[in-house]
Amino acid sequence: MEQMRVINFLLGTRRCGTSLLAAILHACGADFGAVRTTPEYHRSGYMEDPQVGKAESYFRKYYELRKTFPFLPVCCINGIRKRAIRIFKTTVEDNRTWVKNGALISCLADLQNSLQFQPKILGIVRHPVENVASFSNSKGAFGMESDVSAMFQRYYNNNQKLLLHIENYGGCLISFHDLTDRKKTNWADTIAATFPEFKKKDLIKARNKLVDQRVRNLGKQQIIYLPEDQQKFWEFLIQKTQETAKPKNKKQHP
């Protein structure tokens, strides 16, 4: 019986450090395909494959239509979903082993069911206040005028889905704050244990070269109030990052 193809997914909420982590993995040999880079973005200048982003945008439109018009027959809009699947399939046909796009958290199960591959997840989390503040700063007036409570809720929902993906498919979770602290190496232990193609010393070397410790939002944690339930959720996430995960290779049940 032919073994199911494994595709590794680097996932996290927006502005949580996926681009920085992708650059570190890329420096250690990870193939993310035809990525688009912008030198002004971090010192790494790393962005995801635009075709993967295009596939995700079609999935988002499909789910938004289903939510907005719940009584609309699925067959009327399923062409949007099928187009998303075709774009993603074409994009990964070069047998690449890594895909980076945090927004895929919302449609990964659909992709897996449709294309029958085995996902493996590397997740990254960042403090919710820093995450929201970074999103607001990056989006200018639009971000500053966004509903903060809605952003916190999206943070909760996306990271809950991320944990479910790790549970269902196998993988691990690391913290952005461990990644950017040069005194810490536990994140490298976790990645090397879960993805043996990477060596701890190479990961740390790449981190030390690419991470600019001056680019931080730590002060935001002291001036922006974090709701108690979000604080407890963050503590729970940090607990998860401290557990060196073992690959599970579970096959999702339909």
Protein backbone atom coordinates (compact mmCIF):
# COMPACT_ATOMS: atom_id res chain seq x y z
CA MET A 1 0.00 0.00 0.00
CA GLU A 2 1.37 3.40 -1.02
CA GLN A 3 2.37 5.55 1.92
CA MET A 4 0.44 8.79 2.31
CA ARG A 5 2.44 11.90 1.49
CA VAL A 6 3.43 14.04 4.48
CA ILE A 7 3.21 17.85 4.22
CA ASN A 8 4.50 19.95 7.11
CA PHE A 9 2.49 23.07 7.94
CA LEU A 10 3.87 26.08 9.79
CA LEU A 11 0.80 27.66 11.40
CA GLY A 12 -0.07 30.46 13.79
CA THR A 13 -2.27 33.50 14.12
CA ARG A 14 -1.37 36.60 12.12
CA ARG A 15 1.58 38.58 13.49
CA CYS A 16 2.74 35.77 15.78
CA GLY A 17 6.16 35.06 14.24
CA THR A 18 5.46 32.54 11.47
CA SER A 19 7.54 34.53 8.95
CA LEU A 20 10.50 34.71 11.30
CA LEU A 21 10.28 30.99 12.11
CA ALA A 22 9.95 30.17 8.40
CA ALA A 23 13.16 32.08 7.70
CA ILE A 24 14.96 30.10 10.41
CA LEU A 25 13.70 26.79 9.01
CA HIS A 26 14.56 27.90 5.46
CA ALA A 27 18.13 28.61 6.59
CA CYS A 28 18.20 25.02 7.89
CA GLY A 29 17.04 23.51 4.60
CA ALA A 30 13.22 23.65 4.67
CA ASP A 31 11.64 24.07 1.22
CA PHE A 32 8.67 26.46 1.25
CA GLY A 33 8.37 26.68 -2.52
CA ALA A 34 8.24 29.83 -4.62
CA VAL A 35 8.06 32.29 -1.74
CA ARG A 36 7.83 36.05 -2.06
CA THR A 37 10.35 38.01 -0.01
CA THR A 38 10.43 41.64 1.07
CA PRO A 39 13.74 42.81 2.57
CA GLU A 40 12.04 45.38 4.81
CA TYR A 41 10.04 42.65 6.56
CA HIS A 42 12.07 41.52 9.58
CA ARG A 43 15.71 40.94 8.90
CA SER A 44 14.67 37.70 7.27
CA GLY A 45 12.33 39.20 4.66
CA TYR A 46 10.30 35.99 4.48
CA MET A 47 6.74 35.63 3.18
CA GLU A 48 4.58 32.68 2.18
CA ASP A 49 3.96 31.38 -1.32
CA PRO A 50 1.39 33.76 -2.90
CA GLN A 51 -0.39 30.82 -4.55
CA VAL A 52 -1.01 29.23 -1.16
CA GLY A 53 -2.46 32.55 -0.06
CA LYS A 54 -4.67 32.60 -3.14
CA ALA A 55 -6.03 29.14 -2.35
CA GLU A 56 -6.75 30.20 1.23
CA SER A 57 -8.60 33.32 0.05
CA TYR A 58 -10.98 31.17 -2.04
CA PHE A 59 -11.61 28.93 0.95
CA ARG A 60 -12.36 32.02 3.05
CA LYS A 61 -14.88 33.28 0.48
CA TYR A 62 -16.54 29.87 0.40
CA TYR A 63 -16.90 29.68 4.20
CA GLU A 64 -18.09 33.28 4.44
CA LEU A 65 -20.83 32.59 1.88
CA ARG A 66 -21.94 29.47 3.75
CA LYS A 67 -22.10 31.45 6.98
CA THR A 68 -23.88 34.46 5.45
CA PHE A 69 -26.37 32.42 3.41
CA PRO A 70 -26.91 29.20 5.43
CA PHE A 71 -29.90 28.15 3.33
CA LEU A 72 -28.03 28.46 0.04
CA PRO A 73 -27.44 24.97 -1.44
CA VAL A 74 -23.76 24.06 -1.14
CA CYS A 75 -23.70 22.97 -4.79
CA CYS A 76 -24.25 26.61 -5.81
CA ILE A 77 -20.97 27.76 -4.30
CA ASN A 78 -18.91 24.57 -4.22
CA GLY A 79 -17.04 25.72 -7.33
CA ILE A 80 -15.21 28.27 -5.16
CA ARG A 81 -14.08 25.53 -2.80
CA LYS A 82 -12.99 23.27 -5.66
CA ARG A 83 -10.95 26.08 -7.17
CA ALA A 84 -9.17 26.56 -3.84
CA ILE A 85 -8.34 22.86 -3.72
CA ARG A 86 -7.04 22.87 -7.32
CA ILE A 87 -4.79 25.86 -6.67
CA PHE A 88 -3.34 24.31 -3.53
CA LYS A 89 -2.83 20.94 -5.23
CA THR A 90 -1.00 22.54 -8.16
CA THR A 91 1.12 24.61 -5.79
CA VAL A 92 2.42 21.62 -3.83
CA GLU A 93 2.85 19.25 -6.78
CA ASP A 94 6.59 19.96 -6.78
CA ASN A 95 6.77 17.63 -3.74
CA ARG A 96 7.77 20.38 -1.36
CA THR A 97 7.63 19.34 2.28
CA TRP A 98 6.73 22.68 3.93
CA VAL A 99 3.82 25.10 3.63
CA LYS A 100 3.52 28.34 5.59
CA ASN A 101 0.27 30.26 5.86
CA GLY A 102 -1.36 30.81 9.23
CA ALA A 103 -4.80 31.34 7.71
CA LEU A 104 -4.83 27.68 6.62
CA ILE A 105 -5.75 26.86 10.23
CA SER A 106 -9.38 27.38 9.18
CA CYS A 107 -9.39 25.07 6.15
CA LEU A 108 -6.68 22.47 6.79
CA ALA A 109 -9.13 19.65 7.57
CA ASP A 110 -11.00 20.34 4.34
CA LEU A 111 -7.77 20.26 2.35
CA GLN A 112 -6.65 17.04 4.01
CA ASN A 113 -9.97 15.31 3.34
CA SER A 114 -9.99 16.41 -0.28
CA LEU A 115 -6.37 15.67 -1.23
CA GLN A 116 -5.62 12.79 1.17
CA PHE A 117 -2.20 13.77 2.50
CA GLN A 118 -0.84 13.49 6.04
CA PRO A 119 -0.38 16.92 7.67
CA LYS A 120 2.19 17.50 10.37
CA ILE A 121 1.99 20.73 12.34
CA LEU A 122 4.55 23.18 13.67
CA GLY A 123 2.58 25.81 15.58
CA ILE A 124 3.79 29.07 17.10
CA VAL A 125 1.97 31.26 19.63
CA ARG A 126 2.55 34.79 20.85
CA HIS A 127 1.14 36.67 23.85
CA PRO A 128 -2.36 37.88 22.87
CA VAL A 129 -1.70 41.52 23.80
CA GLU A 130 1.46 41.60 21.69
CA ASN A 131 -0.38 39.81 18.89
CA VAL A 132 -3.26 42.30 18.84
CA ALA A 133 -0.94 45.30 19.18
CA SER A 134 1.27 44.08 16.33
CA PHE A 135 -1.77 43.52 14.11
CA SER A 136 -3.05 47.02 14.86
CA ASN A 137 0.33 48.61 14.15
CA SER A 138 0.77 46.70 10.90
CA LYS A 139 -2.66 47.63 9.52
CA GLY A 140 -2.52 51.37 10.15
CA ALA A 141 -5.83 53.16 10.67
CA PHE A 142 -7.81 50.05 9.75
CA GLY A 143 -6.08 47.99 12.41
CA MET A 144 -6.35 50.70 15.05
CA GLU A 145 -10.10 51.01 14.46
CA SER A 146 -10.72 47.25 14.57
CA ASP A 147 -12.77 45.79 17.40
CA VAL A 148 -10.19 44.69 19.99
CA SER A 149 -12.58 42.26 21.67
CA ALA A 150 -13.18 40.61 18.28
CA MET A 151 -9.42 40.33 17.75
CA PHE A 152 -9.02 38.63 21.13
CA GLN A 153 -11.85 36.24 20.24
CA ARG A 154 -10.24 35.44 16.89
CA TYR A 155 -6.95 34.80 18.70
CA TYR A 156 -8.73 32.32 21.00
CA ASN A 157 -10.60 30.58 18.18
CA ASN A 158 -7.58 30.24 15.89
CA ASN A 159 -5.31 28.89 18.59
CA GLN A 160 -7.94 26.41 19.73
CA LYS A 161 -8.10 25.14 16.14
CA LEU A 162 -4.31 25.04 16.06
CA LEU A 163 -4.25 22.82 19.16
CA LEU A 164 -6.85 20.53 17.61
CA HIS A 165 -4.77 20.19 14.44
CA ILE A 166 -1.70 19.24 16.49
CA GLU A 167 -3.78 16.70 18.40
CA ASN A 168 -5.36 15.22 15.26
CA TYR A 169 -2.37 15.19 12.93
CA GLY A 170 0.71 15.29 15.16
CA GLY A 171 3.28 18.02 15.62
CA CYS A 172 4.37 20.51 18.25
CA LEU A 173 3.90 24.01 19.58
CA ILE A 174 6.53 26.64 20.41
CA SER A 175 6.46 30.15 21.83
CA PHE A 176 7.47 33.27 19.92
CA HIS A 177 8.97 34.59 23.16
CA ASP A 178 11.23 31.56 23.57
CA LEU A 179 12.24 31.86 19.92
CA THR A 180 13.32 35.50 20.31
CA ASP A 181 15.10 35.05 23.66
CA ARG A 182 18.72 34.12 22.95
CA LYS A 183 19.04 32.56 26.38
CA LYS A 184 16.42 29.94 25.54
CA THR A 185 16.87 26.83 23.42
CA ASN A 186 13.86 24.72 24.46
CA TRP A 187 12.04 25.68 21.25
CA ALA A 188 14.90 24.15 19.23
CA ASP A 189 14.73 20.95 21.31
CA THR A 190 11.01 20.69 20.56
CA ILE A 191 11.40 21.22 16.81
CA ALA A 192 14.37 18.84 16.50
CA ALA A 193 12.50 16.13 18.43
CA THR A 194 9.38 16.45 16.27
CA PHE A 195 11.07 17.15 12.91
CA PRO A 196 14.33 15.13 12.92
CA GLU A 197 15.51 16.68 9.65
CA PHE A 198 16.55 19.72 11.69
CA LYS A 199 19.50 19.79 14.08
CA LYS A 200 19.31 21.81 17.27
CA LYS A 201 22.64 23.58 16.72
CA ASP A 202 21.63 24.66 13.20
CA LEU A 203 18.30 26.04 14.42
CA ILE A 204 19.97 28.05 17.18
CA LYS A 205 22.63 29.37 14.80
CA ALA A 206 19.95 30.52 12.33
CA ARG A 207 17.92 32.10 15.15
CA ASN A 208 20.90 34.06 16.45
CA LYS A 209 21.60 35.37 12.96
CA LEU A 210 18.03 36.35 12.07
CA VAL A 211 16.42 37.53 15.30
CA ASP A 212 16.63 41.22 16.06
CA GLN A 213 15.81 41.45 19.76
CA ARG A 214 15.07 45.15 19.49
CA VAL A 215 11.91 44.46 17.45
CA ARG A 216 9.51 43.67 20.30
CA ASN A 217 6.18 44.75 21.76
CA LEU A 218 6.85 43.67 25.33
CA GLY A 219 5.76 47.03 26.73
CA LYS A 220 2.24 46.47 25.43
CA GLN A 221 1.69 43.75 28.03
CA GLN A 222 1.89 46.38 30.77
CA ILE A 223 -0.39 49.02 29.22
CA ILE A 224 -3.17 47.00 27.58
CA TYR A 225 -5.63 45.10 29.76
CA LEU A 226 -5.93 41.40 29.04
CA PRO A 227 -9.28 39.82 29.99
CA GLU A 228 -8.98 37.13 32.64
CA ASP A 229 -10.18 34.33 30.38
CA GLN A 230 -7.59 35.28 27.75
CA GLN A 231 -4.88 35.40 30.42
CA LYS A 232 -5.79 31.87 31.53
CA PHE A 233 -5.82 30.71 27.92
CA TRP A 234 -2.35 32.18 27.36
CA GLU A 235 -1.04 30.38 30.45
CA PHE A 236 -2.53 27.17 29.05
CA LEU A 237 -0.81 27.75 25.69
CA ILE A 238 2.53 28.37 27.39
CA GLN A 239 2.11 25.11 29.28
CA LYS A 240 1.62 23.35 25.93
CA THR A 241 4.80 24.87 24.50
CA GLN A 242 6.77 23.45 27.42
CA GLU A 243 5.77 19.93 26.50
CA THR A 244 8.18 18.49 23.93
CA ALA A 245 5.63 16.91 21.60
CA LYS A 246 5.99 13.58 19.89
CA PRO A 247 4.75 13.01 16.33
CA LYS A 248 1.42 11.17 16.37
CA ASN A 249 0.77 10.44 12.68
CA LYS A 250 -2.94 10.13 13.28
CA LYS A 251 -5.21 9.74 10.33
CA GLN A 252 -8.26 11.93 10.51
CA HIS A 253 -11.61 10.16 10.50
CA PRO A 254 -14.22 11.52 8.13
